[in-house]
Amino acid sequence: MQNRWGVAGMIAGLVWLVLCGLAVDAAHPSPIPITQGPTTGATHGVSATGLVVETLPTLDAFAAMLNVNRPGVIAGVYVTNTLALRAVQQPLTNPAYVSAATSTVTQFALAAQYGAIGLLAHNYLAGAQFANLTLGQDLQIIYTDGAMRRYVITSARRFQALAPDDPYSTFVDLDQGGAQLSSTELFNQVYTVSNRVVLQTCIAANGNLSWGRLFLIATPVP
């Protein structure tokens, strides 16, 4: 499918491969506590251990917050008891844009050209919550007219970037015996499959915030 930005847009869009994030163990990323802001409608309390806990809004309540009666535009992503994140779209003039707002993911416009829904987040912001997700969980994509579509998380892929700050880095597949892929090959494997949702953030390790990349892939529930 033709990229609406042409070659220059494809090059800029590959900046999706350069995100920074929190330090987690690269081989076995551990869950990162949810730290969503009030924009999700979440409430907070204190547990018996003194830890701050959060109660997310229900799916219907969260969808109602996002309803601006504009059909066809993705407004949020929801996983029961795990996350409720608003979604924004990349500006037409900035295919490398990733929101710096809390509790927000950015829809990757280049992926949409291939029929995939890519949702990007810095992992010092909303992307930190991706580590709480597990295979088999249901994920709801919510549109601005209140429509919803249900997916299930079916796979997770993790890669080390050999040149973490270079969008054209070679990547090592941490789950496939250390196979190496170019940035283009990685993009093609993750984002050129239609009718899937991909949540992307960074894995950080060894003091490098952009050490690797995490992709959680969800497929539609019939």
C-alpha atoms as a PDB file:
ATOM      1  CA  MET A   1       0.000   0.000   0.000  1.00  0.00           C
ATOM      2  CA  GLN A   2       1.348   3.407  -0.904  1.00  0.00           C
ATOM      3  CA  ASN A   3       2.688   5.531   1.952  1.00  0.00           C
ATOM      4  CA  ARG A   4       0.945   8.904   1.839  1.00  0.00           C
ATOM      5  CA  TRP A   5       4.161  10.662   2.949  1.00  0.00           C
ATOM      6  CA  GLY A   6       6.384   9.099   0.297  1.00  0.00           C
ATOM      7  CA  VAL A   7      10.001   8.160   0.972  1.00  0.00           C
ATOM      8  CA  ALA A   8      10.640  11.172   3.214  1.00  0.00           C
ATOM      9  CA  GLY A   9       7.642  10.267   5.347  1.00  0.00           C
ATOM     10  CA  MET A  10       8.789   6.661   5.639  1.00  0.00           C
ATOM     11  CA  ILE A  11      12.195   7.828   6.820  1.00  0.00           C
ATOM     12  CA  ALA A  12      10.674  10.181   9.382  1.00  0.00           C
ATOM     13  CA  GLY A  13       8.202   7.533  10.455  1.00  0.00           C
ATOM     14  CA  LEU A  14      11.021   5.178  11.362  1.00  0.00           C
ATOM     15  CA  VAL A  15      11.779   7.467  14.292  1.00  0.00           C
ATOM     16  CA  TRP A  16       9.111   5.292  15.989  1.00  0.00           C
ATOM     17  CA  LEU A  17      12.071   3.007  16.646  1.00  0.00           C
ATOM     18  CA  VAL A  18      13.688   5.589  18.934  1.00  0.00           C
ATOM     19  CA  LEU A  19      11.805   5.911  22.201  1.00  0.00           C
ATOM     20  CA  CYS A  20      13.180   6.344  25.686  1.00  0.00           C
ATOM     21  CA  GLY A  21      11.934   4.721  28.841  1.00  0.00           C
ATOM     22  CA  LEU A  22      12.298   3.400  32.346  1.00  0.00           C
ATOM     23  CA  ALA A  23      15.011   0.944  33.229  1.00  0.00           C
ATOM     24  CA  VAL A  24      13.674  -2.610  33.442  1.00  0.00           C
ATOM     25  CA  ASP A  25      15.394  -5.946  33.175  1.00  0.00           C
ATOM     26  CA  ALA A  26      15.726  -6.576  29.466  1.00  0.00           C
ATOM     27  CA  ALA A  27      15.605 -10.371  29.613  1.00  0.00           C
ATOM     28  CA  HIS A  28      12.679 -10.555  32.034  1.00  0.00           C
ATOM     29  CA  PRO A  29      10.829  -7.226  32.162  1.00  0.00           C
ATOM     30  CA  SER A  30       8.983  -6.916  35.451  1.00  0.00           C
ATOM     31  CA  PRO A  31       5.603  -5.210  35.859  1.00  0.00           C
ATOM     32  CA  ILE A  32       5.759  -1.470  36.463  1.00  0.00           C
ATOM     33  CA  PRO A  33       3.108  -0.057  38.819  1.00  0.00           C
ATOM     34  CA  ILE A  34       0.320   1.902  37.165  1.00  0.00           C
ATOM     35  CA  THR A  35       0.776   5.635  37.592  1.00  0.00           C
ATOM     36  CA  GLN A  36      -2.016   7.067  35.509  1.00  0.00           C
ATOM     37  CA  GLY A  37      -3.152  10.633  35.927  1.00  0.00           C
ATOM     38  CA  PRO A  38      -6.679  11.874  36.520  1.00  0.00           C
ATOM     39  CA  THR A  39      -7.423  12.216  32.804  1.00  0.00           C
ATOM     40  CA  THR A  40      -8.474   8.557  32.781  1.00  0.00           C
ATOM     41  CA  GLY A  41     -11.115   9.102  35.434  1.00  0.00           C
ATOM     42  CA  ALA A  42      -9.242   6.810  37.812  1.00  0.00           C
ATOM     43  CA  THR A  43      -9.607   7.098  41.558  1.00  0.00           C
ATOM     44  CA  HIS A  44      -6.915   6.448  44.122  1.00  0.00           C
ATOM     45  CA  GLY A  45      -6.814   5.035  47.622  1.00  0.00           C
ATOM     46  CA  VAL A  46      -4.317   3.655  50.108  1.00  0.00           C
ATOM     47  CA  SER A  47      -4.039  -0.061  50.792  1.00  0.00           C
ATOM     48  CA  ALA A  48      -3.368  -1.667  54.167  1.00  0.00           C
ATOM     49  CA  THR A  49       0.319  -1.764  53.258  1.00  0.00           C
ATOM     50  CA  GLY A  50       0.385   1.967  52.648  1.00  0.00           C
ATOM     51  CA  LEU A  51       0.769   1.648  48.867  1.00  0.00           C
ATOM     52  CA  VAL A  52      -1.293   3.872  46.600  1.00  0.00           C
ATOM     53  CA  VAL A  53      -3.763   1.790  44.604  1.00  0.00           C
ATOM     54  CA  GLU A  54      -5.890   2.837  41.676  1.00  0.00           C
ATOM     55  CA  THR A  55      -9.379   1.916  40.584  1.00  0.00           C
ATOM     56  CA  LEU A  56      -9.901   2.379  36.862  1.00  0.00           C
ATOM     57  CA  PRO A  57     -13.246   3.489  35.452  1.00  0.00           C
ATOM     58  CA  THR A  58     -15.453   0.838  33.912  1.00  0.00           C
ATOM     59  CA  LEU A  59     -15.215   0.323  30.169  1.00  0.00           C
ATOM     60  CA  ASP A  60     -18.530   2.087  29.548  1.00  0.00           C
ATOM     61  CA  ALA A  61     -17.630   4.991  31.803  1.00  0.00           C
ATOM     62  CA  PHE A  62     -14.272   5.416  30.118  1.00  0.00           C
ATOM     63  CA  ALA A  63     -15.845   5.275  26.649  1.00  0.00           C
ATOM     64  CA  ALA A  64     -18.348   7.945  27.678  1.00  0.00           C
ATOM     65  CA  MET A  65     -15.466  10.267  28.622  1.00  0.00           C
ATOM     66  CA  LEU A  66     -14.053   9.929  25.102  1.00  0.00           C
ATOM     67  CA  ASN A  67     -17.292  10.353  23.150  1.00  0.00           C
ATOM     68  CA  VAL A  68     -17.090  13.420  20.905  1.00  0.00           C
ATOM     69  CA  ASN A  69     -19.355  12.031  18.148  1.00  0.00           C
ATOM     70  CA  ARG A  70     -16.689  11.785  15.458  1.00  0.00           C
ATOM     71  CA  PRO A  71     -17.034   8.363  13.808  1.00  0.00           C
ATOM     72  CA  GLY A  72     -14.030   6.332  12.773  1.00  0.00           C
ATOM     73  CA  VAL A  73     -11.369   7.985  14.940  1.00  0.00           C
ATOM     74  CA  ILE A  74      -9.609   5.963  17.638  1.00  0.00           C
ATOM     75  CA  ALA A  75     -10.020   7.682  20.992  1.00  0.00           C
ATOM     76  CA  GLY A  76      -8.709   5.193  23.547  1.00  0.00           C
ATOM     77  CA  VAL A  77      -7.551   1.730  24.555  1.00  0.00           C
ATOM     78  CA  TYR A  78      -8.838  -0.182  27.566  1.00  0.00           C
ATOM     79  CA  VAL A  79      -7.837  -3.377  29.356  1.00  0.00           C
ATOM     80  CA  THR A  80      -9.980  -4.324  32.358  1.00  0.00           C
ATOM     81  CA  ASN A  81      -8.270  -3.697  35.703  1.00  0.00           C
ATOM     82  CA  THR A  82      -5.041  -2.790  33.915  1.00  0.00           C
ATOM     83  CA  LEU A  83      -5.131   0.374  31.814  1.00  0.00           C
ATOM     84  CA  ALA A  84      -7.392   3.066  30.377  1.00  0.00           C
ATOM     85  CA  LEU A  85      -5.509   5.341  28.010  1.00  0.00           C
ATOM     86  CA  ARG A  86      -6.626   8.102  25.719  1.00  0.00           C
ATOM     87  CA  ALA A  87      -5.397   8.064  22.126  1.00  0.00           C
ATOM     88  CA  VAL A  88      -4.268  10.940  19.951  1.00  0.00           C
ATOM     89  CA  GLN A  89      -3.321  10.927  16.280  1.00  0.00           C
ATOM     90  CA  GLN A  90      -0.068  12.030  14.699  1.00  0.00           C
ATOM     91  CA  PRO A  91      -0.190  15.374  12.860  1.00  0.00           C
ATOM     92  CA  LEU A  92      -0.136  15.013   9.089  1.00  0.00           C
ATOM     93  CA  THR A  93       3.058  17.054   9.004  1.00  0.00           C
ATOM     94  CA  ASN A  94       4.854  15.082  11.737  1.00  0.00           C
ATOM     95  CA  PRO A  95       4.927  11.301  11.158  1.00  0.00           C
ATOM     96  CA  ALA A  96       7.481  10.917  13.984  1.00  0.00           C
ATOM     97  CA  TYR A  97       5.274  12.516  16.652  1.00  0.00           C
ATOM     98  CA  VAL A  98       4.732  10.697  19.966  1.00  0.00           C
ATOM     99  CA  SER A  99       2.671  12.428  22.647  1.00  0.00           C
ATOM    100  CA  ALA A 100       4.379  13.544  25.850  1.00  0.00           C
ATOM    101  CA  ALA A 101       1.047  13.663  27.706  1.00  0.00           C
ATOM    102  CA  THR A 102       0.370  11.305  30.583  1.00  0.00           C
ATOM    103  CA  SER A 103      -2.138   8.472  30.218  1.00  0.00           C
ATOM    104  CA  THR A 104      -1.986   8.857  26.441  1.00  0.00           C
ATOM    105  CA  VAL A 105      -0.965   6.729  23.490  1.00  0.00           C
ATOM    106  CA  THR A 106      -0.307   7.988  19.984  1.00  0.00           C
ATOM    107  CA  GLN A 107      -1.770   6.254  16.957  1.00  0.00           C
ATOM    108  CA  PHE A 108       1.027   5.473  14.512  1.00  0.00           C
ATOM    109  CA  ALA A 109      -0.256   6.795  11.198  1.00  0.00           C
ATOM    110  CA  LEU A 110       2.215   4.898   9.045  1.00  0.00           C
ATOM    111  CA  ALA A 111       0.966   1.578  10.452  1.00  0.00           C
ATOM    112  CA  ALA A 112      -2.586   2.573   9.546  1.00  0.00           C
ATOM    113  CA  GLN A 113      -1.534   2.669   5.895  1.00  0.00           C
ATOM    114  CA  TYR A 114      -1.118  -1.107   6.170  1.00  0.00           C
ATOM    115  CA  GLY A 115      -4.385  -1.716   8.017  1.00  0.00           C
ATOM    116  CA  ALA A 116      -2.777  -2.078  11.459  1.00  0.00           C
ATOM    117  CA  ILE A 117      -3.456  -0.041  14.587  1.00  0.00           C
ATOM    118  CA  GLY A 118      -0.147   1.015  16.097  1.00  0.00           C
ATOM    119  CA  LEU A 119      -0.237   2.678  19.509  1.00  0.00           C
ATOM    120  CA  LEU A 120       3.023   4.265  20.647  1.00  0.00           C
ATOM    121  CA  ALA A 121       3.954   5.463  24.127  1.00  0.00           C
ATOM    122  CA  HIS A 122       7.127   6.484  25.919  1.00  0.00           C
ATOM    123  CA  ASN A 123       7.725   3.983  28.681  1.00  0.00           C
ATOM    124  CA  TYR A 124       8.401   6.660  31.244  1.00  0.00           C
ATOM    125  CA  LEU A 125       4.767   7.645  30.580  1.00  0.00           C
ATOM    126  CA  ALA A 126       1.855   5.440  29.469  1.00  0.00           C
ATOM    127  CA  GLY A 127       4.176   2.833  27.983  1.00  0.00           C
ATOM    128  CA  ALA A 128       5.245   1.858  31.490  1.00  0.00           C
ATOM    129  CA  GLN A 129       1.865   0.182  31.866  1.00  0.00           C
ATOM    130  CA  PHE A 130       2.397  -2.158  28.909  1.00  0.00           C
ATOM    131  CA  ALA A 131       4.541  -4.379  31.140  1.00  0.00           C
ATOM    132  CA  ASN A 132       1.425  -5.131  33.202  1.00  0.00           C
ATOM    133  CA  LEU A 133      -0.307  -6.759  30.233  1.00  0.00           C
ATOM    134  CA  THR A 134      -0.325 -10.512  29.699  1.00  0.00           C
ATOM    135  CA  LEU A 135      -1.115 -12.869  26.857  1.00  0.00           C
ATOM    136  CA  GLY A 136      -4.785 -13.760  26.654  1.00  0.00           C
ATOM    137  CA  GLN A 137      -6.078 -10.470  28.047  1.00  0.00           C
ATOM    138  CA  ASP A 138      -8.893  -8.727  26.224  1.00  0.00           C
ATOM    139  CA  LEU A 139      -8.179  -5.281  24.855  1.00  0.00           C
ATOM    140  CA  GLN A 140     -10.832  -2.833  23.689  1.00  0.00           C
ATOM    141  CA  ILE A 141     -10.214  -0.164  21.081  1.00  0.00           C
ATOM    142  CA  ILE A 142     -12.661   2.686  21.616  1.00  0.00           C
ATOM    143  CA  TYR A 143     -13.701   5.138  18.916  1.00  0.00           C
ATOM    144  CA  THR A 144     -14.814   8.726  19.392  1.00  0.00           C
ATOM    145  CA  ASP A 145     -18.433   7.890  18.581  1.00  0.00           C
ATOM    146  CA  GLY A 146     -18.522   5.307  21.379  1.00  0.00           C
ATOM    147  CA  ALA A 147     -18.055   2.291  19.128  1.00  0.00           C
ATOM    148  CA  MET A 148     -15.724  -0.412  20.460  1.00  0.00           C
ATOM    149  CA  ARG A 149     -13.824  -3.312  18.971  1.00  0.00           C
ATOM    150  CA  ARG A 150     -12.521  -6.206  21.018  1.00  0.00           C
ATOM    151  CA  TYR A 151      -9.095  -7.788  20.585  1.00  0.00           C
ATOM    152  CA  VAL A 152      -7.060 -10.331  22.538  1.00  0.00           C
ATOM    153  CA  ILE A 153      -3.329 -10.036  23.232  1.00  0.00           C
ATOM    154  CA  THR A 154      -1.761 -12.977  21.424  1.00  0.00           C
ATOM    155  CA  SER A 155       1.976 -12.318  21.378  1.00  0.00           C
ATOM    156  CA  ALA A 156       4.809 -10.197  22.722  1.00  0.00           C
ATOM    157  CA  ARG A 157       7.997  -9.476  20.833  1.00  0.00           C
ATOM    158  CA  ARG A 158      11.160  -8.026  22.327  1.00  0.00           C
ATOM    159  CA  PHE A 159      14.222  -6.705  20.544  1.00  0.00           C
ATOM    160  CA  GLN A 160      17.575  -5.239  21.473  1.00  0.00           C
ATOM    161  CA  ALA A 161      18.704  -2.264  19.407  1.00  0.00           C
ATOM    162  CA  LEU A 162      22.403  -2.562  18.640  1.00  0.00           C
ATOM    163  CA  ALA A 163      22.496   1.214  18.029  1.00  0.00           C
ATOM    164  CA  PRO A 164      19.741   2.375  20.398  1.00  0.00           C
ATOM    165  CA  ASP A 165      19.616   6.018  19.281  1.00  0.00           C
ATOM    166  CA  ASP A 166      19.635   5.266  15.562  1.00  0.00           C
ATOM    167  CA  PRO A 167      16.254   4.569  13.882  1.00  0.00           C
ATOM    168  CA  TYR A 168      18.139   2.474  11.317  1.00  0.00           C
ATOM    169  CA  SER A 169      19.723   0.273  13.968  1.00  0.00           C
ATOM    170  CA  THR A 170      20.035  -3.455  13.522  1.00  0.00           C
ATOM    171  CA  PHE A 171      17.792  -5.263  16.006  1.00  0.00           C
ATOM    172  CA  VAL A 172      18.342  -8.553  17.798  1.00  0.00           C
ATOM    173  CA  ASP A 173      15.230 -10.683  18.287  1.00  0.00           C
ATOM    174  CA  LEU A 174      15.348 -11.701  21.954  1.00  0.00           C
ATOM    175  CA  ASP A 175      12.655 -14.360  21.492  1.00  0.00           C
ATOM    176  CA  GLN A 176      13.860 -15.989  18.277  1.00  0.00           C
ATOM    177  CA  GLY A 177      17.373 -17.173  19.064  1.00  0.00           C
ATOM    178  CA  GLY A 178      19.063 -13.818  18.580  1.00  0.00           C
ATOM    179  CA  ALA A 179      18.200 -13.399  14.902  1.00  0.00           C
ATOM    180  CA  GLN A 180      19.169  -9.979  13.579  1.00  0.00           C
ATOM    181  CA  LEU A 181      16.814  -7.755  11.591  1.00  0.00           C
ATOM    182  CA  SER A 182      17.172  -4.398   9.912  1.00  0.00           C
ATOM    183  CA  SER A 183      14.823  -1.599  10.974  1.00  0.00           C
ATOM    184  CA  THR A 184      12.853  -2.095   7.756  1.00  0.00           C
ATOM    185  CA  GLU A 185      12.543  -5.838   8.332  1.00  0.00           C
ATOM    186  CA  LEU A 186      11.344  -5.229  11.885  1.00  0.00           C
ATOM    187  CA  PHE A 187       8.786  -2.685  10.718  1.00  0.00           C
ATOM    188  CA  ASN A 188       7.512  -5.092   8.069  1.00  0.00           C
ATOM    189  CA  GLN A 189       7.156  -7.964  10.550  1.00  0.00           C
ATOM    190  CA  VAL A 190       5.321  -5.899  13.148  1.00  0.00           C
ATOM    191  CA  TYR A 191       3.259  -3.328  11.284  1.00  0.00           C
ATOM    192  CA  THR A 192       2.465  -4.537   7.771  1.00  0.00           C
ATOM    193  CA  VAL A 193       0.011  -7.203   8.944  1.00  0.00           C
ATOM    194  CA  SER A 194      -3.515  -5.823   8.711  1.00  0.00           C
ATOM    195  CA  ASN A 195      -6.274  -6.106  11.279  1.00  0.00           C
ATOM    196  CA  ARG A 196      -4.096  -6.171  14.398  1.00  0.00           C
ATOM    197  CA  VAL A 197      -3.303  -3.836  17.276  1.00  0.00           C
ATOM    198  CA  VAL A 198       0.326  -3.235  18.226  1.00  0.00           C
ATOM    199  CA  LEU A 199       1.304  -1.534  21.479  1.00  0.00           C
ATOM    200  CA  GLN A 200       4.902  -0.316  21.305  1.00  0.00           C
ATOM    201  CA  THR A 201       7.256   1.078  23.912  1.00  0.00           C
ATOM    202  CA  CYS A 202      10.921   0.752  24.893  1.00  0.00           C
ATOM    203  CA  ILE A 203      12.862  -1.668  27.021  1.00  0.00           C
ATOM    204  CA  ALA A 204      15.679   0.001  28.942  1.00  0.00           C
ATOM    205  CA  ALA A 205      18.687  -1.756  30.409  1.00  0.00           C
ATOM    206  CA  ASN A 206      22.341  -1.290  31.293  1.00  0.00           C
ATOM    207  CA  GLY A 207      21.742   2.393  31.968  1.00  0.00           C
ATOM    208  CA  ASN A 208      20.416   3.000  28.449  1.00  0.00           C
ATOM    209  CA  LEU A 209      16.821   4.171  28.279  1.00  0.00           C
ATOM    210  CA  SER A 210      16.437   3.067  24.645  1.00  0.00           C
ATOM    211  CA  TRP A 211      18.178  -0.307  24.904  1.00  0.00           C
ATOM    212  CA  GLY A 212      15.389  -2.273  23.260  1.00  0.00           C
ATOM    213  CA  ARG A 213      11.824  -2.318  21.981  1.00  0.00           C
ATOM    214  CA  LEU A 214       8.695  -4.102  23.212  1.00  0.00           C
ATOM    215  CA  PHE A 215       5.720  -4.880  20.974  1.00  0.00           C
ATOM    216  CA  LEU A 216       2.474  -6.376  22.273  1.00  0.00           C
ATOM    217  CA  ILE A 217       0.284  -7.691  19.476  1.00  0.00           C
ATOM    218  CA  ALA A 218      -3.483  -8.195  19.721  1.00  0.00           C
ATOM    219  CA  THR A 219      -5.811  -9.796  17.184  1.00  0.00           C
ATOM    220  CA  PRO A 220      -9.572  -9.362  16.752  1.00  0.00           C
ATOM    221  CA  VAL A 221     -12.055 -11.444  18.696  1.00  0.00           C
ATOM    222  CA  PRO A 222     -14.699 -12.758  16.258  1.00  0.00           C
END
